[in-house]
C-alpha cells in the first residue's frame, strides 16, 4: 500500500507529460493547417482551364437517349500513302527540322497576313481526332483592331493580378528568366488573334445536352496541329493561357455557356527586331523510352 502511495505522484506526472505532448502536437498540426489555408498563392483558380472531362452529364441528360449521331456510320475503303524507308526517314527528318524552328514569339509585326492562310490552318486543325468524333472545338478569329484592343485590356487587367497575387513567387520567378510580364503588346499588333474554345458539351436538336467525350484532350490535340500548321505556313505565335479571362472574353465574343477558353494565339510575322530566349530542347534520349 505504501508502495502504491509512493508511485501515485509518479504516474500522475507521467500522464501530465503525455497529455502535454499530445496537446502540443495537435496545436502544431492545427497551426500548420491554418497556415496552409491562409496561403495566398492559388495558381489554378481558373475553372475554364481545368480539365472537366471527369464530370459526366447528369443522368437524365446522358444515356437515356441516343446522342444524335447516326446509328450506323458507313465505312469506306481506305488507302494510305506508302513511302519507301528512305523517303520515310527523309520526310520525318524534314518535318522535324521544320518544327524545331518553331519558337514562341512575343514581338509580332502588324504586317497583314492573307486571310486564306488563316482559313487553311484552321481547316487543318479541324482534322484532329476527337472523342466519338464530336469535334468539340470552336476557333474564334479576331481581326478587328478595336476588338483586339478590348481583349488586350481584359487580359492585361487579369494578368497583372495573376502575377502579383495568384501565381505565387515560384511561378513568377521562373518566368523572369524569359522576361515575360502582364504587358501583352502583341494582342494589339498581331493582325489576327485566334481564341480556341473547348465545347464542354453540345446540344441535341431537342435542346438537351450532348456529351462531348474527352473534350479537353481533343481540343488540345487540335491546338498542337494548329501550331504545326502555322509553322508550316511561315507564321508565328506564342501560346497564351490567360488565367481568369475566359468568362469576360466569352461574353465579349458572344460565345455560349458551353464553351470555355482554352488557348489564345496571336498570329502574324515576327518584327524585324524580334528576339527570343536562347533556349535548348531536351535530347531524344531524355524524352523517349524504348521498351
C-alpha atoms as a PDB file:
ATOM      1  CA  UNK A   1       0.000   0.000   0.000  1.00  0.00           C
ATOM      2  CA  UNK A   2       2.845   2.346   0.867  1.00  0.00           C
ATOM      3  CA  UNK A   3       4.493   1.478  -2.443  1.00  0.00           C
ATOM      4  CA  UNK A   4       1.270   2.402  -4.333  1.00  0.00           C
ATOM      5  CA  UNK A   5       1.092   5.706  -2.445  1.00  0.00           C
ATOM      6  CA  UNK A   6       4.672   6.421  -3.424  1.00  0.00           C
ATOM      7  CA  UNK A   7       4.142   5.625  -7.126  1.00  0.00           C
ATOM      8  CA  UNK A   8       0.898   7.586  -7.485  1.00  0.00           C
ATOM      9  CA  UNK A   9       2.598  11.016  -7.910  1.00  0.00           C
ATOM     10  CA  UNK A  10       4.963   9.458 -10.490  1.00  0.00           C
ATOM     11  CA  UNK A  11       2.040   8.097 -12.553  1.00  0.00           C
ATOM     12  CA  UNK A  12       0.266  11.453 -12.373  1.00  0.00           C
ATOM     13  CA  UNK A  13       3.426  13.229 -13.544  1.00  0.00           C
ATOM     14  CA  UNK A  14       3.859  10.825 -16.482  1.00  0.00           C
ATOM     15  CA  UNK A  15       0.216  11.241 -17.503  1.00  0.00           C
ATOM     16  CA  UNK A  16       0.539  15.046 -17.353  1.00  0.00           C
ATOM     17  CA  UNK A  17       3.644  14.929 -19.582  1.00  0.00           C
ATOM     18  CA  UNK A  18       1.879  12.692 -22.133  1.00  0.00           C
ATOM     19  CA  UNK A  19      -1.161  14.982 -22.223  1.00  0.00           C
ATOM     20  CA  UNK A  20       1.144  17.974 -22.754  1.00  0.00           C
ATOM     21  CA  UNK A  21       2.962  16.289 -25.661  1.00  0.00           C
ATOM     22  CA  UNK A  22      -0.323  15.289 -27.321  1.00  0.00           C
ATOM     23  CA  UNK A  23      -1.788  18.788 -26.991  1.00  0.00           C
ATOM     24  CA  UNK A  24       1.384  20.388 -28.361  1.00  0.00           C
ATOM     25  CA  UNK A  25       1.364  18.073 -31.373  1.00  0.00           C
ATOM     26  CA  UNK A  26      -2.330  18.729 -32.012  1.00  0.00           C
ATOM     27  CA  UNK A  27      -1.869  22.505 -31.821  1.00  0.00           C
ATOM     28  CA  UNK A  28       1.148  22.303 -34.131  1.00  0.00           C
ATOM     29  CA  UNK A  29      -0.810  20.406 -36.768  1.00  0.00           C
ATOM     30  CA  UNK A  30      -3.689  22.871 -36.427  1.00  0.00           C
ATOM     31  CA  UNK A  31      -1.334  25.828 -36.923  1.00  0.00           C
ATOM     32  CA  UNK A  32       0.172  24.109 -39.972  1.00  0.00           C
ATOM     33  CA  UNK A  33      -3.305  23.611 -41.480  1.00  0.00           C
ATOM     34  CA  UNK A  34      -4.239  27.217 -40.732  1.00  0.00           C
ATOM     35  CA  UNK A  35      -1.046  28.436 -42.398  1.00  0.00           C
ATOM     36  CA  UNK A  36      -1.772  26.312 -45.462  1.00  0.00           C
ATOM     37  CA  UNK A  37      -5.344  27.557 -45.739  1.00  0.00           C
ATOM     38  CA  UNK A  38      -4.206  31.182 -45.474  1.00  0.00           C
ATOM     39  CA  UNK A  39      -1.544  30.846 -48.188  1.00  0.00           C
ATOM     40  CA  UNK A  40      -2.326  33.493 -50.833  1.00  0.00           C
ATOM     41  CA  UNK A  41      -0.918  31.585 -53.823  1.00  0.00           C
ATOM     42  CA  UNK A  42      -3.547  29.600 -55.734  1.00  0.00           C
ATOM     43  CA  UNK A  43      -2.184  29.176 -59.268  1.00  0.00           C
ATOM     44  CA  UNK A  44      -5.050  27.127 -60.707  1.00  0.00           C
ATOM     45  CA  UNK A  45      -8.070  29.180 -59.766  1.00  0.00           C
ATOM     46  CA  UNK A  46      -9.250  29.378 -63.374  1.00  0.00           C
ATOM     47  CA  UNK A  47     -12.177  26.994 -63.799  1.00  0.00           C
ATOM     48  CA  UNK A  48     -12.065  27.364 -67.610  1.00  0.00           C
ATOM     49  CA  UNK A  49      -8.542  25.955 -67.756  1.00  0.00           C
ATOM     50  CA  UNK A  50      -9.275  22.967 -65.527  1.00  0.00           C
ATOM     51  CA  UNK A  51      -9.840  19.641 -67.210  1.00  0.00           C
ATOM     52  CA  UNK A  52     -13.568  18.957 -66.920  1.00  0.00           C
ATOM     53  CA  UNK A  53     -13.584  15.610 -68.694  1.00  0.00           C
ATOM     54  CA  UNK A  54     -14.119  13.721 -65.439  1.00  0.00           C
ATOM     55  CA  UNK A  55     -17.515  15.316 -64.873  1.00  0.00           C
ATOM     56  CA  UNK A  56     -20.164  13.460 -66.914  1.00  0.00           C
ATOM     57  CA  UNK A  57     -23.555  14.928 -67.682  1.00  0.00           C
ATOM     58  CA  UNK A  58     -26.413  14.404 -65.275  1.00  0.00           C
ATOM     59  CA  UNK A  59     -28.077  11.002 -65.618  1.00  0.00           C
ATOM     60  CA  UNK A  60     -31.283  12.408 -67.054  1.00  0.00           C
ATOM     61  CA  UNK A  61     -29.314  14.118 -69.810  1.00  0.00           C
ATOM     62  CA  UNK A  62     -26.748  11.427 -70.560  1.00  0.00           C
ATOM     63  CA  UNK A  63     -27.555   7.890 -71.554  1.00  0.00           C
ATOM     64  CA  UNK A  64     -31.356   7.982 -71.655  1.00  0.00           C
ATOM     65  CA  UNK A  65     -31.388   8.626 -75.381  1.00  0.00           C
ATOM     66  CA  UNK A  66     -29.090   8.390 -78.375  1.00  0.00           C
ATOM     67  CA  UNK A  67     -26.656  11.268 -78.646  1.00  0.00           C
ATOM     68  CA  UNK A  68     -27.850  12.419 -82.047  1.00  0.00           C
ATOM     69  CA  UNK A  69     -25.213  10.610 -84.135  1.00  0.00           C
ATOM     70  CA  UNK A  70     -26.046   8.198 -86.942  1.00  0.00           C
ATOM     71  CA  UNK A  71     -26.632   4.717 -85.585  1.00  0.00           C
ATOM     72  CA  UNK A  72     -24.590   3.068 -88.321  1.00  0.00           C
ATOM     73  CA  UNK A  73     -21.847   5.137 -89.913  1.00  0.00           C
ATOM     74  CA  UNK A  74     -20.941   3.866 -93.364  1.00  0.00           C
ATOM     75  CA  UNK A  75     -17.383   2.536 -93.662  1.00  0.00           C
ATOM     76  CA  UNK A  76     -15.478   3.081 -96.908  1.00  0.00           C
ATOM     77  CA  UNK A  77     -12.227   1.594 -98.213  1.00  0.00           C
ATOM     78  CA  UNK A  78      -9.072   3.351 -97.057  1.00  0.00           C
ATOM     79  CA  UNK A  79      -5.749   3.522 -98.814  1.00  0.00           C
ATOM     80  CA  UNK A  80      -2.982   5.475 -97.098  1.00  0.00           C
ATOM     81  CA  UNK A  81       0.206   6.899 -98.553  1.00  0.00           C
ATOM     82  CA  UNK A  82       3.071   4.420 -98.537  1.00  0.00           C
ATOM     83  CA  UNK A  83       6.693   5.570 -98.869  1.00  0.00           C
ATOM     84  CA  UNK A  84       9.977   3.753 -99.148  1.00  0.00           C
ATOM     85  CA  UNK A  85      12.020   3.525 -95.968  1.00  0.00           C
ATOM     86  CA  UNK A  86      14.459   6.100 -97.314  1.00  0.00           C
ATOM     87  CA  UNK A  87      11.641   8.504 -98.171  1.00  0.00           C
ATOM     88  CA  UNK A  88      10.037   7.990 -94.750  1.00  0.00           C
ATOM     89  CA  UNK A  89      13.291   8.841 -92.996  1.00  0.00           C
ATOM     90  CA  UNK A  90      13.816  11.887 -95.216  1.00  0.00           C
ATOM     91  CA  UNK A  91      10.268  13.201 -94.741  1.00  0.00           C
ATOM     92  CA  UNK A  92      10.249  12.600 -90.977  1.00  0.00           C
ATOM     93  CA  UNK A  93      13.586  14.414 -90.566  1.00  0.00           C
ATOM     94  CA  UNK A  94      12.494  17.352 -92.748  1.00  0.00           C
ATOM     95  CA  UNK A  95       9.296  17.733 -90.733  1.00  0.00           C
ATOM     96  CA  UNK A  96      11.296  17.640 -87.503  1.00  0.00           C
ATOM     97  CA  UNK A  97      13.643  20.335 -88.807  1.00  0.00           C
ATOM     98  CA  UNK A  98      10.647  22.488 -89.759  1.00  0.00           C
ATOM     99  CA  UNK A  99       9.010  22.226 -86.333  1.00  0.00           C
ATOM    100  CA  UNK A 100      12.302  22.509 -84.478  1.00  0.00           C
ATOM    101  CA  UNK A 101      12.430  26.083 -85.795  1.00  0.00           C
ATOM    102  CA  UNK A 102       9.142  26.853 -84.030  1.00  0.00           C
ATOM    103  CA  UNK A 103       9.607  29.398 -81.280  1.00  0.00           C
ATOM    104  CA  UNK A 104       7.240  31.328 -79.035  1.00  0.00           C
ATOM    105  CA  UNK A 105       7.454  34.850 -80.476  1.00  0.00           C
ATOM    106  CA  UNK A 106       6.163  37.759 -78.400  1.00  0.00           C
ATOM    107  CA  UNK A 107       7.216  40.526 -80.807  1.00  0.00           C
ATOM    108  CA  UNK A 108       4.799  40.329 -83.723  1.00  0.00           C
ATOM    109  CA  UNK A 109       4.514  42.712 -86.676  1.00  0.00           C
ATOM    110  CA  UNK A 110       1.259  44.373 -87.758  1.00  0.00           C
ATOM    111  CA  UNK A 111       2.012  43.370 -91.362  1.00  0.00           C
ATOM    112  CA  UNK A 112      -1.137  41.922 -92.991  1.00  0.00           C
ATOM    113  CA  UNK A 113      -1.466  38.151 -93.367  1.00  0.00           C
ATOM    114  CA  UNK A 114      -3.631  36.614 -96.125  1.00  0.00           C
ATOM    115  CA  UNK A 115      -6.982  35.596 -94.653  1.00  0.00           C
ATOM    116  CA  UNK A 116      -6.999  32.433 -96.778  1.00  0.00           C
ATOM    117  CA  UNK A 117      -3.928  31.204 -94.909  1.00  0.00           C
ATOM    118  CA  UNK A 118      -5.759  31.569 -91.596  1.00  0.00           C
ATOM    119  CA  UNK A 119      -8.741  29.683 -93.028  1.00  0.00           C
ATOM    120  CA  UNK A 120      -6.478  26.872 -94.199  1.00  0.00           C
ATOM    121  CA  UNK A 121      -4.581  26.418 -90.910  1.00  0.00           C
ATOM    122  CA  UNK A 122      -7.860  26.233 -89.007  1.00  0.00           C
ATOM    123  CA  UNK A 123      -9.192  23.739 -91.550  1.00  0.00           C
ATOM    124  CA  UNK A 124      -6.064  21.728 -90.776  1.00  0.00           C
ATOM    125  CA  UNK A 125      -6.665  21.942 -87.021  1.00  0.00           C
ATOM    126  CA  UNK A 126     -10.199  20.692 -87.664  1.00  0.00           C
ATOM    127  CA  UNK A 127      -8.793  17.400 -88.989  1.00  0.00           C
ATOM    128  CA  UNK A 128      -7.801  16.493 -85.420  1.00  0.00           C
ATOM    129  CA  UNK A 129      -9.184  13.298 -83.865  1.00  0.00           C
ATOM    130  CA  UNK A 130     -11.801  13.730 -81.136  1.00  0.00           C
ATOM    131  CA  UNK A 131     -13.715  11.551 -78.698  1.00  0.00           C
ATOM    132  CA  UNK A 132     -16.541   9.798 -80.607  1.00  0.00           C
ATOM    133  CA  UNK A 133     -15.913  12.315 -83.428  1.00  0.00           C
ATOM    134  CA  UNK A 134     -17.740  15.056 -81.539  1.00  0.00           C
ATOM    135  CA  UNK A 135     -15.272  17.748 -82.751  1.00  0.00           C
ATOM    136  CA  UNK A 136     -15.682  19.824 -79.565  1.00  0.00           C
ATOM    137  CA  UNK A 137     -13.807  22.953 -80.698  1.00  0.00           C
ATOM    138  CA  UNK A 138     -14.566  26.500 -81.755  1.00  0.00           C
ATOM    139  CA  UNK A 139     -11.860  28.696 -83.292  1.00  0.00           C
ATOM    140  CA  UNK A 140     -12.726  32.386 -82.959  1.00  0.00           C
ATOM    141  CA  UNK A 141     -10.655  34.557 -85.315  1.00  0.00           C
ATOM    142  CA  UNK A 142     -10.446  38.218 -84.305  1.00  0.00           C
ATOM    143  CA  UNK A 143      -9.070  40.713 -86.815  1.00  0.00           C
ATOM    144  CA  UNK A 144     -10.942  43.894 -85.853  1.00  0.00           C
ATOM    145  CA  UNK A 145      -8.397  46.263 -84.177  1.00  0.00           C
ATOM    146  CA  UNK A 146     -10.904  47.651 -81.657  1.00  0.00           C
ATOM    147  CA  UNK A 147     -11.958  44.178 -80.578  1.00  0.00           C
ATOM    148  CA  UNK A 148      -8.327  43.072 -80.298  1.00  0.00           C
ATOM    149  CA  UNK A 149      -7.646  46.064 -78.041  1.00  0.00           C
ATOM    150  CA  UNK A 150     -10.606  45.231 -75.799  1.00  0.00           C
ATOM    151  CA  UNK A 151      -9.229  41.704 -75.496  1.00  0.00           C
ATOM    152  CA  UNK A 152      -5.850  43.161 -74.539  1.00  0.00           C
ATOM    153  CA  UNK A 153      -7.424  45.310 -71.820  1.00  0.00           C
ATOM    154  CA  UNK A 154      -9.213  42.323 -70.298  1.00  0.00           C
ATOM    155  CA  UNK A 155      -6.126  40.110 -70.469  1.00  0.00           C
ATOM    156  CA  UNK A 156      -3.699  42.663 -69.047  1.00  0.00           C
ATOM    157  CA  UNK A 157      -6.002  43.564 -66.164  1.00  0.00           C
ATOM    158  CA  UNK A 158      -6.328  39.925 -65.088  1.00  0.00           C
ATOM    159  CA  UNK A 159      -2.704  39.059 -65.830  1.00  0.00           C
ATOM    160  CA  UNK A 160      -1.456  41.842 -63.555  1.00  0.00           C
ATOM    161  CA  UNK A 161      -3.482  40.313 -60.725  1.00  0.00           C
ATOM    162  CA  UNK A 162      -2.150  36.868 -61.667  1.00  0.00           C
ATOM    163  CA  UNK A 163       1.478  37.997 -61.493  1.00  0.00           C
ATOM    164  CA  UNK A 164       1.059  39.980 -58.290  1.00  0.00           C
ATOM    165  CA  UNK A 165      -1.313  37.770 -56.303  1.00  0.00           C
ATOM    166  CA  UNK A 166      -2.438  34.465 -57.808  1.00  0.00           C
ATOM    167  CA  UNK A 167       0.547  32.770 -59.406  1.00  0.00           C
ATOM    168  CA  UNK A 168       2.917  32.697 -56.451  1.00  0.00           C
ATOM    169  CA  UNK A 169       6.600  33.634 -56.124  1.00  0.00           C
ATOM    170  CA  UNK A 170       7.989  30.410 -57.618  1.00  0.00           C
ATOM    171  CA  UNK A 171       5.956  30.690 -60.840  1.00  0.00           C
ATOM    172  CA  UNK A 172       6.705  34.403 -61.260  1.00  0.00           C
ATOM    173  CA  UNK A 173      10.437  33.848 -60.632  1.00  0.00           C
ATOM    174  CA  UNK A 174      10.520  31.009 -63.181  1.00  0.00           C
ATOM    175  CA  UNK A 175       9.070  33.400 -65.768  1.00  0.00           C
ATOM    176  CA  UNK A 176      11.551  36.202 -65.020  1.00  0.00           C
ATOM    177  CA  UNK A 177      14.336  34.499 -66.953  1.00  0.00           C
ATOM    178  CA  UNK A 178      12.061  34.552 -70.026  1.00  0.00           C
ATOM    179  CA  UNK A 179      11.365  38.279 -69.477  1.00  0.00           C
ATOM    180  CA  UNK A 180       7.591  37.935 -69.540  1.00  0.00           C
ATOM    181  CA  UNK A 181       5.084  40.033 -67.637  1.00  0.00           C
ATOM    182  CA  UNK A 182       1.457  41.109 -67.857  1.00  0.00           C
ATOM    183  CA  UNK A 183       2.031  43.607 -70.694  1.00  0.00           C
ATOM    184  CA  UNK A 184       0.793  41.949 -73.919  1.00  0.00           C
ATOM    185  CA  UNK A 185       1.567  44.349 -76.765  1.00  0.00           C
ATOM    186  CA  UNK A 186       1.247  41.547 -79.307  1.00  0.00           C
ATOM    187  CA  UNK A 187      -2.522  41.446 -78.711  1.00  0.00           C
ATOM    188  CA  UNK A 188      -2.698  44.826 -80.459  1.00  0.00           C
ATOM    189  CA  UNK A 189      -0.016  44.377 -83.104  1.00  0.00           C
ATOM    190  CA  UNK A 190      -0.717  40.849 -84.377  1.00  0.00           C
ATOM    191  CA  UNK A 191      -3.088  41.020 -87.363  1.00  0.00           C
ATOM    192  CA  UNK A 192      -5.070  38.039 -86.045  1.00  0.00           C
ATOM    193  CA  UNK A 193      -5.957  36.596 -82.677  1.00  0.00           C
ATOM    194  CA  UNK A 194      -7.204  33.022 -82.632  1.00  0.00           C
ATOM    195  CA  UNK A 195      -9.086  32.087 -79.467  1.00  0.00           C
ATOM    196  CA  UNK A 196      -9.664  28.354 -79.103  1.00  0.00           C
ATOM    197  CA  UNK A 197     -12.687  27.333 -77.049  1.00  0.00           C
ATOM    198  CA  UNK A 198     -13.422  23.811 -75.866  1.00  0.00           C
ATOM    199  CA  UNK A 199     -17.084  22.841 -76.017  1.00  0.00           C
ATOM    200  CA  UNK A 200     -17.621  21.041 -72.721  1.00  0.00           C
ATOM    201  CA  UNK A 201     -20.907  19.714 -74.080  1.00  0.00           C
ATOM    202  CA  UNK A 202     -23.037  20.075 -77.202  1.00  0.00           C
ATOM    203  CA  UNK A 203     -26.737  20.398 -77.878  1.00  0.00           C
ATOM    204  CA  UNK A 204     -29.098  17.889 -79.453  1.00  0.00           C
ATOM    205  CA  UNK A 205     -31.814  19.118 -81.849  1.00  0.00           C
ATOM    206  CA  UNK A 206     -34.309  18.879 -78.966  1.00  0.00           C
ATOM    207  CA  UNK A 207     -32.160  21.198 -76.841  1.00  0.00           C
ATOM    208  CA  UNK A 208     -30.825  18.557 -74.454  1.00  0.00           C
ATOM    209  CA  UNK A 209     -27.137  18.342 -73.654  1.00  0.00           C
ATOM    210  CA  UNK A 210     -24.927  16.125 -75.785  1.00  0.00           C
ATOM    211  CA  UNK A 211     -21.849  14.541 -74.232  1.00  0.00           C
ATOM    212  CA  UNK A 212     -18.508  15.668 -75.634  1.00  0.00           C
ATOM    213  CA  UNK A 213     -16.126  12.904 -74.626  1.00  0.00           C
ATOM    214  CA  UNK A 214     -12.542  13.865 -73.786  1.00  0.00           C
ATOM    215  CA  UNK A 215     -13.205  17.431 -74.888  1.00  0.00           C
ATOM    216  CA  UNK A 216     -10.091  18.772 -73.157  1.00  0.00           C
ATOM    217  CA  UNK A 217      -7.754  16.242 -74.755  1.00  0.00           C
ATOM    218  CA  UNK A 218      -9.428  16.508 -78.157  1.00  0.00           C
ATOM    219  CA  UNK A 219      -9.111  20.294 -78.317  1.00  0.00           C
ATOM    220  CA  UNK A 220      -5.537  20.158 -77.016  1.00  0.00           C
ATOM    221  CA  UNK A 221      -4.582  17.820 -79.878  1.00  0.00           C
ATOM    222  CA  UNK A 222      -6.257  20.221 -82.340  1.00  0.00           C
ATOM    223  CA  UNK A 223      -4.198  23.084 -80.873  1.00  0.00           C
ATOM    224  CA  UNK A 224      -0.999  21.112 -81.457  1.00  0.00           C
ATOM    225  CA  UNK A 225      -1.938  20.513 -85.087  1.00  0.00           C
ATOM    226  CA  UNK A 226      -2.774  24.222 -85.441  1.00  0.00           C
ATOM    227  CA  UNK A 227       0.682  25.202 -84.143  1.00  0.00           C
ATOM    228  CA  UNK A 228       2.297  22.859 -86.677  1.00  0.00           C
ATOM    229  CA  UNK A 229       0.132  24.274 -89.491  1.00  0.00           C
ATOM    230  CA  UNK A 230       1.099  27.845 -88.566  1.00  0.00           C
ATOM    231  CA  UNK A 231       4.794  26.931 -88.578  1.00  0.00           C
ATOM    232  CA  UNK A 232       4.381  25.227 -91.943  1.00  0.00           C
ATOM    233  CA  UNK A 233       2.806  28.415 -93.357  1.00  0.00           C
ATOM    234  CA  UNK A 234       5.601  30.648 -92.067  1.00  0.00           C
ATOM    235  CA  UNK A 235       3.539  32.296 -89.338  1.00  0.00           C
ATOM    236  CA  UNK A 236       4.445  32.698 -85.684  1.00  0.00           C
ATOM    237  CA  UNK A 237       2.650  32.862 -82.364  1.00  0.00           C
ATOM    238  CA  UNK A 238       3.008  32.459 -78.614  1.00  0.00           C
ATOM    239  CA  UNK A 239       0.773  30.052 -76.708  1.00  0.00           C
ATOM    240  CA  UNK A 240      -1.182  32.141 -74.222  1.00  0.00           C
ATOM    241  CA  UNK A 241      -3.451  30.773 -71.494  1.00  0.00           C
ATOM    242  CA  UNK A 242      -4.591  33.927 -69.688  1.00  0.00           C
ATOM    243  CA  UNK A 243      -5.850  32.852 -66.272  1.00  0.00           C
ATOM    244  CA  UNK A 244      -9.306  34.056 -65.231  1.00  0.00           C
ATOM    245  CA  UNK A 245     -10.027  35.818 -68.536  1.00  0.00           C
ATOM    246  CA  UNK A 246     -12.321  33.162 -70.001  1.00  0.00           C
ATOM    247  CA  UNK A 247     -15.716  34.374 -68.732  1.00  0.00           C
ATOM    248  CA  UNK A 248     -15.107  38.014 -69.745  1.00  0.00           C
ATOM    249  CA  UNK A 249     -13.781  37.066 -73.176  1.00  0.00           C
ATOM    250  CA  UNK A 250     -16.660  34.657 -73.664  1.00  0.00           C
ATOM    251  CA  UNK A 251     -19.123  37.495 -73.045  1.00  0.00           C
ATOM    252  CA  UNK A 252     -17.151  39.926 -75.228  1.00  0.00           C
ATOM    253  CA  UNK A 253     -17.101  37.465 -78.129  1.00  0.00           C
ATOM    254  CA  UNK A 254     -20.712  36.389 -77.520  1.00  0.00           C
ATOM    255  CA  UNK A 255     -19.860  32.735 -77.124  1.00  0.00           C
ATOM    256  CA  UNK A 256     -22.365  30.325 -75.496  1.00  0.00           C
ATOM    257  CA  UNK A 257     -22.062  28.989 -71.935  1.00  0.00           C
ATOM    258  CA  UNK A 258     -20.919  25.530 -73.079  1.00  0.00           C
ATOM    259  CA  UNK A 259     -17.678  26.981 -74.474  1.00  0.00           C
ATOM    260  CA  UNK A 260     -14.649  27.593 -72.262  1.00  0.00           C
ATOM    261  CA  UNK A 261     -11.480  29.369 -73.360  1.00  0.00           C
ATOM    262  CA  UNK A 262      -8.501  27.018 -73.611  1.00  0.00           C
ATOM    263  CA  UNK A 263      -5.904  28.964 -75.587  1.00  0.00           C
ATOM    264  CA  UNK A 264      -5.300  32.396 -77.117  1.00  0.00           C
ATOM    265  CA  UNK A 265      -2.899  32.654 -80.069  1.00  0.00           C
ATOM    266  CA  UNK A 266      -1.717  35.971 -81.539  1.00  0.00           C
ATOM    267  CA  UNK A 267      -0.726  35.178 -85.135  1.00  0.00           C
ATOM    268  CA  UNK A 268       1.496  37.059 -87.552  1.00  0.00           C
ATOM    269  CA  UNK A 269       5.034  37.660 -88.781  1.00  0.00           C
ATOM    270  CA  UNK A 270       7.857  38.452 -86.353  1.00  0.00           C
ATOM    271  CA  UNK A 271       9.025  42.058 -86.087  1.00  0.00           C
ATOM    272  CA  UNK A 272      12.377  42.748 -87.731  1.00  0.00           C
ATOM    273  CA  UNK A 273      13.952  43.324 -84.322  1.00  0.00           C
ATOM    274  CA  UNK A 274      12.166  40.411 -82.617  1.00  0.00           C
ATOM    275  CA  UNK A 275      14.143  38.380 -80.085  1.00  0.00           C
ATOM    276  CA  UNK A 276      13.545  35.033 -78.370  1.00  0.00           C
ATOM    277  CA  UNK A 277      15.214  33.413 -75.348  1.00  0.00           C
ATOM    278  CA  UNK A 278      18.265  31.278 -76.173  1.00  0.00           C
ATOM    279  CA  UNK A 279      16.680  28.018 -75.071  1.00  0.00           C
ATOM    280  CA  UNK A 280      17.603  24.430 -75.899  1.00  0.00           C
ATOM    281  CA  UNK A 281      15.384  21.368 -76.134  1.00  0.00           C
ATOM    282  CA  UNK A 282      15.861  18.052 -74.386  1.00  0.00           C
ATOM    283  CA  UNK A 283      17.702  15.439 -76.459  1.00  0.00           C
ATOM    284  CA  UNK A 284      15.844  12.385 -77.723  1.00  0.00           C
ATOM    285  CA  UNK A 285      17.267  10.087 -75.033  1.00  0.00           C
ATOM    286  CA  UNK A 286      15.724  12.289 -72.349  1.00  0.00           C
ATOM    287  CA  UNK A 287      12.191  12.229 -73.773  1.00  0.00           C
ATOM    288  CA  UNK A 288      11.885   8.722 -75.279  1.00  0.00           C
ATOM    289  CA  UNK A 289      11.954   5.326 -73.613  1.00  0.00           C
ATOM    290  CA  UNK A 290      12.153   2.249 -75.834  1.00  0.00           C
ATOM    291  CA  UNK A 291      10.941  -0.948 -74.134  1.00  0.00           C
END
